[in-house]
Amino acid sequence: ASFYLDPYSRPADKRGGAWMDVCVGKSEAVGRDIPVAYLTCNGSPPVDGKPSLMTFREVETLFHEFGHGLQHMLTKASVGDVAGINGVEWDAVELPSQFMENWLYDKKTIFGFA
């Protein structure tokens, strides 16, 4: 499994908000075994050659969307209609993403990468 990350906002080219979308879904019927996701976050872009420094909310958004991506990418289901986030009740779709957000409130996790 893999994912494409579009981390920065581009108001002229892209709508606001953040989302995960399916690039390639897993489906035995059509011979697709490796799911691929798009993660779009609309974070602060680099300015004047300086790197982008993410706010806490931007990191929270990244973790949230990555949770959706993990549900899509790590699916064990081989039937496309129920693989990844397909066929899952909306509140259950939000569970992995909200679980991932909670890691930001764990001091060891934050100090491990910040």
C-alpha atoms as a PDB file:
ATOM      1  CA  ALA A   1       0.000   0.000   0.000  1.00  0.00           C
ATOM      2  CA  SER A   2       1.029   3.572  -0.522  1.00  0.00           C
ATOM      3  CA  PHE A   3      -0.241   7.146  -0.505  1.00  0.00           C
ATOM      4  CA  TYR A   4       0.231  10.495  -2.175  1.00  0.00           C
ATOM      5  CA  LEU A   5       0.456  13.512   0.121  1.00  0.00           C
ATOM      6  CA  ASP A   6      -0.610  17.012  -0.938  1.00  0.00           C
ATOM      7  CA  PRO A   7       0.294  18.964   2.230  1.00  0.00           C
ATOM      8  CA  TYR A   8       0.000  22.624   1.216  1.00  0.00           C
ATOM      9  CA  SER A   9      -2.877  24.971   0.506  1.00  0.00           C
ATOM     10  CA  ARG A  10      -3.166  26.486  -2.958  1.00  0.00           C
ATOM     11  CA  PRO A  11      -6.226  28.766  -2.806  1.00  0.00           C
ATOM     12  CA  ALA A  12      -6.187  29.437  -6.541  1.00  0.00           C
ATOM     13  CA  ASP A  13      -6.125  25.723  -7.445  1.00  0.00           C
ATOM     14  CA  LYS A  14      -7.636  23.726  -4.604  1.00  0.00           C
ATOM     15  CA  ARG A  15     -10.696  23.904  -2.374  1.00  0.00           C
ATOM     16  CA  GLY A  16     -10.283  24.392   1.370  1.00  0.00           C
ATOM     17  CA  GLY A  17     -10.462  21.677   4.000  1.00  0.00           C
ATOM     18  CA  ALA A  18      -8.737  18.328   4.185  1.00  0.00           C
ATOM     19  CA  TRP A  19      -9.645  14.898   2.902  1.00  0.00           C
ATOM     20  CA  MET A  20      -8.536  11.396   2.059  1.00  0.00           C
ATOM     21  CA  ASP A  21      -9.622   9.908  -1.236  1.00  0.00           C
ATOM     22  CA  VAL A  22      -9.134   6.602  -2.981  1.00  0.00           C
ATOM     23  CA  CYS A  23      -6.585   6.580  -5.788  1.00  0.00           C
ATOM     24  CA  VAL A  24      -6.629   2.794  -6.230  1.00  0.00           C
ATOM     25  CA  GLY A  25      -9.023   0.616  -4.277  1.00  0.00           C
ATOM     26  CA  LYS A  26      -8.355  -2.998  -3.379  1.00  0.00           C
ATOM     27  CA  SER A  27     -10.544  -5.364  -5.395  1.00  0.00           C
ATOM     28  CA  GLU A  28      -9.978  -9.009  -6.228  1.00  0.00           C
ATOM     29  CA  ALA A  29     -12.582  -8.799  -9.015  1.00  0.00           C
ATOM     30  CA  VAL A  30     -10.504  -6.342 -11.040  1.00  0.00           C
ATOM     31  CA  GLY A  31      -7.084  -7.612  -9.932  1.00  0.00           C
ATOM     32  CA  ARG A  32      -6.082  -4.695  -7.707  1.00  0.00           C
ATOM     33  CA  ASP A  33      -4.304  -5.930  -4.594  1.00  0.00           C
ATOM     34  CA  ILE A  34      -2.366  -2.811  -3.545  1.00  0.00           C
ATOM     35  CA  PRO A  35      -4.520   0.089  -2.340  1.00  0.00           C
ATOM     36  CA  VAL A  36      -3.301   3.659  -2.842  1.00  0.00           C
ATOM     37  CA  ALA A  37      -4.718   6.764  -1.127  1.00  0.00           C
ATOM     38  CA  TYR A  38      -4.602  10.527  -1.641  1.00  0.00           C
ATOM     39  CA  LEU A  39      -4.127  12.618   1.522  1.00  0.00           C
ATOM     40  CA  THR A  40      -4.904  16.317   1.088  1.00  0.00           C
ATOM     41  CA  CYS A  41      -4.258  18.615   4.042  1.00  0.00           C
ATOM     42  CA  ASN A  42      -4.120  22.295   2.959  1.00  0.00           C
ATOM     43  CA  GLY A  43      -1.398  23.246   5.439  1.00  0.00           C
ATOM     44  CA  SER A  44       0.734  26.388   5.469  1.00  0.00           C
ATOM     45  CA  PRO A  45       3.068  26.390   2.453  1.00  0.00           C
ATOM     46  CA  PRO A  46       6.736  27.418   2.581  1.00  0.00           C
ATOM     47  CA  VAL A  47       7.248  31.178   2.163  1.00  0.00           C
ATOM     48  CA  ASP A  48      10.282  32.988   0.719  1.00  0.00           C
ATOM     49  CA  GLY A  49      12.405  29.830   0.645  1.00  0.00           C
ATOM     50  CA  LYS A  50      11.806  29.109   4.332  1.00  0.00           C
ATOM     51  CA  PRO A  51      10.385  25.701   5.300  1.00  0.00           C
ATOM     52  CA  SER A  52       6.797  25.383   6.349  1.00  0.00           C
ATOM     53  CA  LEU A  53       6.332  25.003  10.093  1.00  0.00           C
ATOM     54  CA  MET A  54       3.051  23.233  10.795  1.00  0.00           C
ATOM     55  CA  THR A  55       0.698  24.478  13.468  1.00  0.00           C
ATOM     56  CA  PHE A  56      -0.656  22.024  16.003  1.00  0.00           C
ATOM     57  CA  ARG A  57      -4.008  22.006  14.140  1.00  0.00           C
ATOM     58  CA  GLU A  58      -2.249  21.255  10.844  1.00  0.00           C
ATOM     59  CA  VAL A  59      -0.444  18.304  12.407  1.00  0.00           C
ATOM     60  CA  GLU A  60      -3.761  17.172  13.903  1.00  0.00           C
ATOM     61  CA  THR A  61      -5.313  17.355  10.427  1.00  0.00           C
ATOM     62  CA  LEU A  62      -2.432  15.343   8.953  1.00  0.00           C
ATOM     63  CA  PHE A  63      -2.825  12.643  11.610  1.00  0.00           C
ATOM     64  CA  HIS A  64      -6.604  12.634  11.094  1.00  0.00           C
ATOM     65  CA  GLU A  65      -6.350  12.167   7.324  1.00  0.00           C
ATOM     66  CA  PHE A  66      -3.604   9.570   7.772  1.00  0.00           C
ATOM     67  CA  GLY A  67      -6.033   7.601   9.964  1.00  0.00           C
ATOM     68  CA  HIS A  68      -8.470   7.485   7.045  1.00  0.00           C
ATOM     69  CA  GLY A  69      -5.596   6.515   4.786  1.00  0.00           C
ATOM     70  CA  LEU A  70      -4.551   3.678   7.080  1.00  0.00           C
ATOM     71  CA  GLN A  71      -8.076   2.273   7.071  1.00  0.00           C
ATOM     72  CA  HIS A  72      -7.992   2.307   3.270  1.00  0.00           C
ATOM     73  CA  MET A  73      -4.428   1.042   2.829  1.00  0.00           C
ATOM     74  CA  LEU A  74      -4.417  -1.694   5.479  1.00  0.00           C
ATOM     75  CA  THR A  75      -7.715  -3.308   4.492  1.00  0.00           C
ATOM     76  CA  LYS A  76      -7.768  -7.102   4.473  1.00  0.00           C
ATOM     77  CA  ALA A  77     -11.045  -7.256   2.533  1.00  0.00           C
ATOM     78  CA  SER A  78     -10.633  -8.292  -1.100  1.00  0.00           C
ATOM     79  CA  VAL A  79     -14.160  -7.355  -2.234  1.00  0.00           C
ATOM     80  CA  GLY A  80     -14.044  -3.778  -3.528  1.00  0.00           C
ATOM     81  CA  ASP A  81     -17.492  -2.836  -2.185  1.00  0.00           C
ATOM     82  CA  VAL A  82     -16.338  -3.401   1.417  1.00  0.00           C
ATOM     83  CA  ALA A  83     -12.564  -2.832   1.184  1.00  0.00           C
ATOM     84  CA  GLY A  84     -10.968   0.140   2.911  1.00  0.00           C
ATOM     85  CA  ILE A  85     -13.558   2.781   3.775  1.00  0.00           C
ATOM     86  CA  ASN A  86     -16.183   1.388   1.391  1.00  0.00           C
ATOM     87  CA  GLY A  87     -19.365   0.058   2.960  1.00  0.00           C
ATOM     88  CA  VAL A  88     -18.395   1.289   6.440  1.00  0.00           C
ATOM     89  CA  GLU A  89     -20.843   3.307   8.531  1.00  0.00           C
ATOM     90  CA  TRP A  90     -19.793   6.962   8.705  1.00  0.00           C
ATOM     91  CA  ASP A  91     -19.103   6.962  12.448  1.00  0.00           C
ATOM     92  CA  ALA A  92     -16.873   3.909  12.005  1.00  0.00           C
ATOM     93  CA  VAL A  93     -15.010   5.644   9.163  1.00  0.00           C
ATOM     94  CA  GLU A  94     -14.101   8.397  11.634  1.00  0.00           C
ATOM     95  CA  LEU A  95     -12.801   6.019  14.329  1.00  0.00           C
ATOM     96  CA  PRO A  96      -9.254   5.414  12.967  1.00  0.00           C
ATOM     97  CA  SER A  97      -8.777   9.090  12.127  1.00  0.00           C
ATOM     98  CA  GLN A  98      -9.838  10.252  15.571  1.00  0.00           C
ATOM     99  CA  PHE A  99      -7.695   7.538  17.141  1.00  0.00           C
ATOM    100  CA  MET A 100      -4.674   8.881  15.238  1.00  0.00           C
ATOM    101  CA  GLU A 101      -5.396  12.433  16.443  1.00  0.00           C
ATOM    102  CA  ASN A 102      -5.091  11.273  20.049  1.00  0.00           C
ATOM    103  CA  TRP A 103      -1.400  10.458  19.546  1.00  0.00           C
ATOM    104  CA  LEU A 104      -0.745  14.202  19.464  1.00  0.00           C
ATOM    105  CA  TYR A 105      -1.635  14.443  23.139  1.00  0.00           C
ATOM    106  CA  ASP A 106       0.966  11.819  24.092  1.00  0.00           C
ATOM    107  CA  LYS A 107       4.202  13.530  25.179  1.00  0.00           C
ATOM    108  CA  LYS A 108       6.483  10.647  24.111  1.00  0.00           C
ATOM    109  CA  THR A 109       4.949  10.647  20.647  1.00  0.00           C
ATOM    110  CA  ILE A 110       5.351  14.389  20.170  1.00  0.00           C
ATOM    111  CA  PHE A 111       8.943  14.429  21.416  1.00  0.00           C
ATOM    112  CA  GLY A 112       9.668  11.476  19.158  1.00  0.00           C
ATOM    113  CA  PHE A 113       9.233  13.535  16.004  1.00  0.00           C
ATOM    114  CA  ALA A 114       8.997  17.219  16.943  1.00  0.00           C
END
